[in-house]
Amino acid sequence: MDDKVRVREELDLTGARWQATDGELEFAQVEHVDGLVYTALRKATDPDGPVLVFTPSEWDAFVAGARDGEFHDLAGLTAD
């Protein structure tokens, strides 16, 4: 079940400041009318394409996992 469909529909990304990552993704942190700051993630090469939306706790967990190398297998990388 998509529990953030309403948030994505209401999230205004028109004025978002997109920041590049080391790869082909970029992200923006955008405040929503519910008072939370959501993080949006998209492919830099497809700015009009799909956007993933993370709550603050989801984003923190994602960043921590990336730092810990949890996604190396998915990306075809080896752990340091």
N, C-alpha and C. Protein backbone atom coordinates (compact mmCIF):
# COMPACT_ATOMS: atom_id res chain seq x y z
N MET A 1 0.84 -1.19 0.00
CA MET A 1 0.00 0.00 0.00
C MET A 1 0.88 1.24 0.00
N ASP A 2 0.52 2.22 -0.78
CA ASP A 2 1.27 3.48 -0.87
C ASP A 2 0.69 4.47 0.12
N ASP A 3 1.37 4.62 1.26
CA ASP A 3 0.85 5.49 2.30
C ASP A 3 1.21 6.96 2.11
N LYS A 4 1.99 7.27 1.07
CA LYS A 4 2.36 8.67 0.84
C LYS A 4 1.79 9.23 -0.46
N VAL A 5 0.81 8.56 -1.03
CA VAL A 5 0.25 9.04 -2.30
C VAL A 5 -0.31 10.45 -2.13
N ARG A 6 -0.99 10.71 -1.02
CA ARG A 6 -1.54 12.05 -0.77
C ARG A 6 -0.43 13.09 -0.64
N VAL A 7 0.63 12.72 0.07
CA VAL A 7 1.75 13.64 0.26
C VAL A 7 2.37 13.99 -1.09
N ARG A 8 2.62 12.97 -1.93
CA ARG A 8 3.22 13.24 -3.25
C ARG A 8 2.33 14.13 -4.09
N GLU A 9 1.03 13.92 -4.01
CA GLU A 9 0.11 14.75 -4.79
C GLU A 9 0.12 16.20 -4.32
N GLU A 10 0.33 16.41 -3.03
CA GLU A 10 0.29 17.76 -2.46
C GLU A 10 1.65 18.44 -2.39
N LEU A 11 2.72 17.70 -2.52
CA LEU A 11 4.07 18.24 -2.37
C LEU A 11 4.41 19.11 -3.58
N ASP A 12 4.72 20.36 -3.33
CA ASP A 12 5.05 21.30 -4.41
C ASP A 12 6.55 21.28 -4.67
N LEU A 13 6.94 20.66 -5.79
CA LEU A 13 8.35 20.54 -6.14
C LEU A 13 8.80 21.61 -7.13
N THR A 14 7.90 22.53 -7.51
CA THR A 14 8.25 23.52 -8.54
C THR A 14 9.40 24.43 -8.09
N GLY A 15 9.47 24.76 -6.83
CA GLY A 15 10.54 25.64 -6.36
C GLY A 15 11.64 24.90 -5.62
N ALA A 16 11.64 23.58 -5.75
CA ALA A 16 12.62 22.77 -5.01
C ALA A 16 14.04 23.05 -5.48
N ARG A 17 14.97 23.04 -4.54
CA ARG A 17 16.39 23.18 -4.86
C ARG A 17 17.01 21.79 -4.91
N TRP A 18 17.15 21.27 -6.10
CA TRP A 18 17.67 19.93 -6.29
C TRP A 18 19.18 19.94 -6.14
N GLN A 19 19.70 18.99 -5.37
CA GLN A 19 21.13 18.86 -5.13
C GLN A 19 21.62 17.54 -5.73
N ALA A 20 22.72 17.61 -6.43
CA ALA A 20 23.27 16.41 -7.07
C ALA A 20 23.93 15.51 -6.04
N THR A 21 23.89 14.21 -6.33
CA THR A 21 24.63 13.23 -5.54
C THR A 21 25.89 12.88 -6.31
N ASP A 22 26.67 11.94 -5.80
CA ASP A 22 27.87 11.50 -6.51
C ASP A 22 27.53 10.68 -7.75
N GLY A 23 26.31 10.19 -7.82
CA GLY A 23 25.88 9.37 -8.96
C GLY A 23 24.97 10.15 -9.88
N GLU A 24 23.96 9.49 -10.40
CA GLU A 24 23.06 10.12 -11.35
C GLU A 24 21.75 10.58 -10.71
N LEU A 25 21.72 10.60 -9.39
CA LEU A 25 20.52 11.02 -8.68
C LEU A 25 20.67 12.42 -8.13
N GLU A 26 19.54 13.04 -7.84
CA GLU A 26 19.54 14.32 -7.13
C GLU A 26 18.37 14.31 -6.16
N PHE A 27 18.51 15.13 -5.11
CA PHE A 27 17.48 15.16 -4.08
C PHE A 27 17.17 16.60 -3.69
N ALA A 28 15.98 16.75 -3.10
CA ALA A 28 15.54 18.06 -2.60
C ALA A 28 14.78 17.82 -1.31
N GLN A 29 14.90 18.74 -0.38
CA GLN A 29 14.12 18.68 0.85
C GLN A 29 13.05 19.75 0.77
N VAL A 30 11.79 19.31 0.92
CA VAL A 30 10.65 20.18 0.68
C VAL A 30 9.68 20.09 1.85
N GLU A 31 9.26 21.25 2.35
CA GLU A 31 8.30 21.26 3.45
C GLU A 31 6.90 21.03 2.90
N HIS A 32 6.14 20.25 3.64
CA HIS A 32 4.77 19.91 3.27
C HIS A 32 3.81 20.66 4.20
N VAL A 33 2.56 20.75 3.81
CA VAL A 33 1.58 21.45 4.64
C VAL A 33 1.36 20.76 5.98
N ASP A 34 1.75 19.49 6.13
CA ASP A 34 1.61 18.79 7.41
C ASP A 34 2.73 19.16 8.39
N GLY A 35 3.67 20.03 7.95
CA GLY A 35 4.76 20.49 8.81
C GLY A 35 6.03 19.67 8.72
N LEU A 36 5.98 18.51 8.07
CA LEU A 36 7.19 17.70 7.92
C LEU A 36 7.98 18.14 6.69
N VAL A 37 9.28 17.95 6.76
CA VAL A 37 10.14 18.20 5.61
C VAL A 37 10.45 16.85 4.98
N TYR A 38 9.93 16.64 3.77
CA TYR A 38 10.13 15.40 3.05
C TYR A 38 11.34 15.53 2.13
N THR A 39 11.98 14.41 1.85
CA THR A 39 13.08 14.39 0.89
C THR A 39 12.59 13.71 -0.37
N ALA A 40 12.77 14.39 -1.49
CA ALA A 40 12.40 13.85 -2.79
C ALA A 40 13.66 13.44 -3.52
N LEU A 41 13.60 12.32 -4.23
CA LEU A 41 14.76 11.76 -4.93
C LEU A 41 14.34 11.44 -6.36
N ARG A 42 15.17 11.86 -7.32
CA ARG A 42 14.87 11.59 -8.73
C ARG A 42 16.17 11.40 -9.50
N LYS A 43 16.03 10.89 -10.73
CA LYS A 43 17.18 10.77 -11.62
C LYS A 43 17.46 12.14 -12.23
N ALA A 44 18.69 12.57 -12.18
CA ALA A 44 19.05 13.88 -12.74
C ALA A 44 18.83 13.92 -14.24
N THR A 45 18.97 12.79 -14.90
CA THR A 45 18.80 12.74 -16.36
C THR A 45 17.34 12.70 -16.78
N ASP A 46 16.43 12.56 -15.81
CA ASP A 46 14.99 12.49 -16.11
C ASP A 46 14.22 13.33 -15.09
N PRO A 47 14.40 14.66 -15.11
CA PRO A 47 13.78 15.50 -14.08
C PRO A 47 12.25 15.49 -14.09
N ASP A 48 11.65 15.11 -15.19
CA ASP A 48 10.19 15.03 -15.25
C ASP A 48 9.67 13.63 -14.98
N GLY A 49 10.58 12.72 -14.65
CA GLY A 49 10.22 11.34 -14.40
C GLY A 49 9.72 11.13 -12.97
N PRO A 50 9.65 9.87 -12.56
CA PRO A 50 9.14 9.56 -11.22
C PRO A 50 10.03 10.12 -10.12
N VAL A 51 9.39 10.45 -9.01
CA VAL A 51 10.07 11.00 -7.84
C VAL A 51 9.73 10.12 -6.64
N LEU A 52 10.76 9.67 -5.93
CA LEU A 52 10.55 8.95 -4.68
C LEU A 52 10.47 9.97 -3.55
N VAL A 53 9.57 9.75 -2.60
CA VAL A 53 9.39 10.67 -1.48
C VAL A 53 9.64 9.91 -0.18
N PHE A 54 10.50 10.48 0.66
CA PHE A 54 10.87 9.87 1.94
C PHE A 54 10.46 10.77 3.09
N THR A 55 9.93 10.17 4.16
CA THR A 55 9.71 10.92 5.40
C THR A 55 11.08 11.18 6.02
N PRO A 56 11.15 12.06 7.02
CA PRO A 56 12.45 12.30 7.66
C PRO A 56 13.08 11.02 8.22
N SER A 57 12.31 10.18 8.87
CA SER A 57 12.88 8.96 9.44
C SER A 57 13.28 7.96 8.35
N GLU A 58 12.52 7.88 7.26
CA GLU A 58 12.90 7.02 6.14
C GLU A 58 14.20 7.49 5.51
N TRP A 59 14.35 8.79 5.34
CA TRP A 59 15.56 9.33 4.72
C TRP A 59 16.77 9.08 5.60
N ASP A 60 16.61 9.30 6.92
CA ASP A 60 17.71 9.04 7.85
C ASP A 60 18.14 7.57 7.77
N ALA A 61 17.18 6.66 7.71
CA ALA A 61 17.50 5.23 7.62
C ALA A 61 18.18 4.91 6.29
N PHE A 62 17.72 5.51 5.21
CA PHE A 62 18.31 5.30 3.89
C PHE A 62 19.77 5.77 3.87
N VAL A 63 20.01 6.98 4.37
CA VAL A 63 21.37 7.53 4.39
C VAL A 63 22.28 6.67 5.27
N ALA A 64 21.78 6.25 6.43
CA ALA A 64 22.58 5.41 7.32
C ALA A 64 22.91 4.08 6.63
N GLY A 65 21.95 3.50 5.94
CA GLY A 65 22.19 2.26 5.22
C GLY A 65 23.21 2.43 4.11
N ALA A 66 23.12 3.53 3.40
CA ALA A 66 24.08 3.79 2.32
C ALA A 66 25.49 3.96 2.89
N ARG A 67 25.60 4.66 3.99
CA ARG A 67 26.92 4.85 4.63
C ARG A 67 27.49 3.52 5.12
N ASP A 68 26.61 2.62 5.56
CA ASP A 68 27.05 1.32 6.08
C ASP A 68 27.28 0.30 4.99
N GLY A 69 27.02 0.67 3.73
CA GLY A 69 27.26 -0.24 2.63
C GLY A 69 26.16 -1.25 2.38
N GLU A 70 24.97 -1.02 2.95
CA GLU A 70 23.87 -1.97 2.81
C GLU A 70 23.41 -2.18 1.37
N PHE A 71 23.70 -1.24 0.49
CA PHE A 71 23.19 -1.32 -0.87
C PHE A 71 24.27 -1.70 -1.89
N HIS A 72 25.46 -2.03 -1.42
CA HIS A 72 26.55 -2.36 -2.35
C HIS A 72 26.18 -3.54 -3.26
N ASP A 73 25.56 -4.56 -2.70
CA ASP A 73 25.18 -5.72 -3.52
C ASP A 73 24.22 -5.31 -4.62
N LEU A 74 23.27 -4.44 -4.31
CA LEU A 74 22.30 -3.99 -5.31
C LEU A 74 22.96 -3.18 -6.41
N ALA A 75 24.00 -2.44 -6.08
CA ALA A 75 24.67 -1.59 -7.04
C ALA A 75 25.83 -2.29 -7.72
N GLY A 76 26.10 -3.53 -7.35
CA GLY A 76 27.22 -4.26 -7.95
C GLY A 76 28.57 -3.79 -7.42
N LEU A 77 28.60 -3.21 -6.23
CA LEU A 77 29.84 -2.72 -5.63
C LEU A 77 30.33 -3.70 -4.59
N THR A 78 31.58 -3.55 -4.21
CA THR A 78 32.13 -4.36 -3.13
C THR A 78 32.29 -3.49 -1.90
N ALA A 79 32.13 -4.08 -0.74
CA ALA A 79 32.29 -3.33 0.51
C ALA A 79 33.75 -2.99 0.72
N ASP A 80 34.00 -1.84 1.36
CA ASP A 80 35.38 -1.42 1.64
C ASP A 80 35.95 -2.21 2.80
